[in-house]
N, C-alpha and C. Protein backbone atom coordinates (compact mmCIF):
# COMPACT_ATOMS: atom_id res chain seq x y z
N UNK A 1 81.67 -115.29 103.18
CA UNK A 1 82.90 -116.60 103.14
C UNK A 1 83.04 -116.98 104.23
N UNK A 2 83.42 -118.03 104.59
CA UNK A 2 83.36 -118.76 105.64
C UNK A 2 84.65 -119.37 105.82
N UNK A 3 86.01 -118.33 105.59
CA UNK A 3 87.07 -118.67 105.96
C UNK A 3 87.70 -119.08 107.33
N UNK A 4 86.57 -119.27 108.27
CA UNK A 4 87.11 -120.63 109.21
C UNK A 4 86.51 -121.71 109.60
N UNK A 5 85.54 -122.02 108.86
CA UNK A 5 85.62 -123.34 108.04
C UNK A 5 86.68 -123.56 107.02
N UNK A 6 87.04 -123.08 106.05
CA UNK A 6 88.19 -123.94 105.54
C UNK A 6 89.38 -123.18 106.04
N UNK A 7 89.81 -122.34 107.07
CA UNK A 7 91.06 -122.51 107.63
C UNK A 7 91.24 -124.16 108.36
N UNK A 8 89.97 -123.89 109.12
CA UNK A 8 89.60 -125.19 110.30
C UNK A 8 90.04 -126.72 109.40
N UNK A 9 89.29 -126.62 108.29
CA UNK A 9 89.46 -127.73 107.01
C UNK A 9 91.07 -127.68 107.15
N UNK A 10 91.70 -127.36 106.60
CA UNK A 10 92.97 -127.39 106.22
C UNK A 10 94.35 -127.46 107.36
N UNK A 11 93.56 -126.75 108.23
CA UNK A 11 94.80 -127.08 109.69
C UNK A 11 94.58 -128.74 110.04
N UNK A 12 93.61 -129.32 109.82
CA UNK A 12 93.09 -130.58 110.04
C UNK A 12 93.80 -131.63 108.34
N UNK A 13 94.15 -131.09 107.68
CA UNK A 13 94.54 -131.40 106.53
C UNK A 13 93.87 -132.34 105.83
N UNK A 14 92.85 -131.60 105.82
CA UNK A 14 91.40 -132.40 104.75
C UNK A 14 90.74 -131.89 103.70
N UNK A 15 90.86 -131.94 102.48
CA UNK A 15 90.25 -131.91 101.14
C UNK A 15 88.82 -131.54 101.47
N UNK A 16 88.05 -130.81 100.36
CA UNK A 16 86.74 -130.62 100.51
C UNK A 16 86.31 -132.38 100.71
N UNK A 17 86.14 -132.97 99.76
CA UNK A 17 85.57 -134.21 99.63
C UNK A 17 86.19 -135.21 100.82
N UNK A 18 87.10 -135.29 101.10
CA UNK A 18 87.28 -135.81 103.15
C UNK A 18 86.63 -135.28 103.97
N UNK A 19 86.20 -133.98 104.27
CA UNK A 19 86.08 -133.40 104.85
C UNK A 19 84.12 -134.09 104.48
N UNK A 20 83.57 -133.40 103.41
CA UNK A 20 82.08 -134.25 103.25
C UNK A 20 81.79 -135.68 103.37
N UNK A 21 83.12 -136.56 103.12
CA UNK A 21 82.90 -137.92 103.49
C UNK A 21 82.78 -137.83 104.86
N UNK A 22 83.50 -137.31 106.05
CA UNK A 22 82.97 -137.71 106.74
C UNK A 22 81.75 -137.43 107.66
N UNK A 23 81.30 -135.82 107.36
CA UNK A 23 80.01 -135.70 107.39
C UNK A 23 78.82 -135.75 106.63
N UNK A 24 78.81 -137.03 105.74
CA UNK A 24 78.13 -137.63 104.78
C UNK A 24 77.35 -136.40 104.14
N UNK A 25 78.15 -135.52 103.21
CA UNK A 25 77.39 -134.65 102.60
C UNK A 25 78.13 -134.37 101.31
N UNK A 26 77.95 -134.02 100.28
CA UNK A 26 78.56 -134.35 99.45
C UNK A 26 80.10 -132.79 99.11
N UNK A 27 81.26 -132.88 98.14
CA UNK A 27 82.13 -131.98 97.96
C UNK A 27 81.46 -130.20 97.63
N UNK A 28 80.84 -130.78 96.84
CA UNK A 28 79.69 -129.30 96.18
C UNK A 28 79.13 -128.72 97.45
N UNK A 29 78.67 -129.54 98.84
CA UNK A 29 77.73 -128.92 99.45
C UNK A 29 78.96 -128.19 100.31
N UNK A 30 80.00 -128.47 101.16
CA UNK A 30 81.05 -127.90 101.52
C UNK A 30 81.73 -126.76 100.75
N UNK A 31 81.87 -126.98 99.84
CA UNK A 31 82.44 -125.72 98.92
C UNK A 31 81.65 -124.69 98.88
N UNK A 32 79.96 -124.88 98.68
CA UNK A 32 79.13 -124.06 98.81
C UNK A 32 79.47 -123.50 100.25
N UNK A 33 79.28 -123.88 101.00
CA UNK A 33 79.03 -123.60 102.46
C UNK A 33 80.02 -122.53 102.77
N UNK A 34 81.73 -122.91 102.02
CA UNK A 34 82.77 -122.35 102.49
C UNK A 34 82.81 -120.59 101.95
N UNK A 35 82.09 -121.21 101.02
CA UNK A 35 82.03 -119.43 99.41
C UNK A 35 80.71 -119.03 100.59
N UNK A 36 79.84 -119.44 101.55
CA UNK A 36 78.84 -118.56 102.24
C UNK A 36 77.61 -118.73 101.33
N UNK A 37 77.90 -119.35 100.33
CA UNK A 37 76.22 -119.52 99.17
C UNK A 37 75.45 -120.74 99.74
N UNK A 38 75.89 -121.43 100.78
CA UNK A 38 74.50 -122.07 101.31
C UNK A 38 74.98 -122.58 102.91
N UNK A 39 73.58 -122.59 103.25
CA UNK A 39 73.15 -122.17 104.65
C UNK A 39 73.12 -123.62 105.45
N UNK A 40 73.93 -124.16 106.18
CA UNK A 40 73.78 -125.71 106.29
C UNK A 40 72.67 -126.28 107.02
N UNK A 41 72.34 -127.36 107.66
CA UNK A 41 71.49 -127.02 108.57
C UNK A 41 72.10 -127.47 110.22
N UNK A 42 71.68 -127.22 111.28
CA UNK A 42 72.24 -127.28 112.38
C UNK A 42 72.68 -128.47 112.78
N UNK A 43 72.04 -129.72 111.92
CA UNK A 43 72.62 -131.19 111.57
C UNK A 43 74.14 -131.17 111.45
N UNK A 44 74.20 -130.75 110.55
CA UNK A 44 75.37 -130.59 109.61
C UNK A 44 76.44 -129.87 110.11
N UNK A 45 76.33 -128.65 110.36
CA UNK A 45 77.01 -127.70 111.27
C UNK A 45 77.38 -128.81 112.39
N UNK A 46 77.23 -129.25 113.11
CA UNK A 46 77.16 -130.26 114.54
C UNK A 46 78.36 -131.14 114.00
N UNK A 47 77.94 -131.94 112.91
CA UNK A 47 78.60 -133.04 112.25
C UNK A 47 80.36 -131.87 111.51
N UNK A 48 80.06 -131.03 110.77
CA UNK A 48 81.33 -130.75 110.50
C UNK A 48 82.36 -129.50 112.04
N UNK A 49 82.07 -129.44 112.93
CA UNK A 49 82.36 -129.61 113.83
C UNK A 49 82.73 -130.21 114.53
N UNK A 50 82.07 -131.30 114.23
CA UNK A 50 82.85 -132.37 115.65
C UNK A 50 84.01 -133.19 114.73
N UNK A 51 83.74 -133.18 113.35
CA UNK A 51 84.73 -134.12 112.47
C UNK A 51 85.90 -132.90 112.98
N UNK A 52 85.60 -131.04 112.64
CA UNK A 52 87.13 -130.76 112.42
C UNK A 52 87.54 -130.32 114.10
N UNK A 53 86.67 -131.03 115.09
CA UNK A 53 87.38 -131.07 116.53
C UNK A 53 87.59 -129.29 117.09
N UNK A 54 85.97 -128.49 116.50
CA UNK A 54 85.79 -127.32 116.69
C UNK A 54 84.03 -126.98 117.45
N UNK A 55 84.19 -126.13 117.86
CA UNK A 55 82.33 -125.98 118.38
C UNK A 55 82.20 -125.47 117.63
N UNK A 56 80.72 -125.06 117.45
CA UNK A 56 79.49 -124.26 116.71
C UNK A 56 80.46 -122.46 116.65
N UNK A 57 80.82 -122.23 117.31
CA UNK A 57 80.92 -121.10 117.34
C UNK A 57 82.34 -121.00 117.02
N UNK A 58 83.44 -121.66 117.08
CA UNK A 58 84.50 -121.30 116.68
C UNK A 58 84.20 -121.47 114.75
N UNK A 59 83.02 -122.18 114.23
CA UNK A 59 83.24 -122.09 112.78
C UNK A 59 81.84 -121.54 111.69
N UNK A 60 81.12 -120.85 112.82
CA UNK A 60 79.74 -120.67 112.44
C UNK A 60 79.39 -119.28 113.01
N UNK A 61 79.93 -118.72 113.81
CA UNK A 61 79.31 -117.42 114.56
C UNK A 61 80.39 -116.59 114.20
N UNK A 62 79.25 -115.48 113.57
CA UNK A 62 79.89 -114.12 113.11
C UNK A 62 80.59 -113.14 114.09
N UNK A 63 81.95 -113.24 113.98
CA UNK A 63 82.40 -111.93 114.80
C UNK A 63 82.37 -110.66 114.83
N UNK A 64 81.01 -109.81 115.42
CA UNK A 64 81.31 -108.79 114.66
C UNK A 64 82.18 -107.92 115.17
N UNK A 65 83.20 -108.00 115.90
CA UNK A 65 84.23 -106.87 116.37
C UNK A 65 85.34 -107.09 115.46
N UNK A 66 85.37 -107.39 114.93
CA UNK A 66 86.36 -107.44 113.54
C UNK A 66 86.42 -106.47 112.82
């Protein structure tokens, strides 16, 4: 599950649909990414990170120290 993405989206007060609209994806795609059931392309990852003012590491890099 990608809680980092969901938390960043909520911090920006965006719904899944609003984020999807910003990054030219579907709400279903955003939901699947947040659930960890879809691996987005690098291009989509970059668009999501930019829309949320985060880096790719902030959103998609797994911290194995946790």
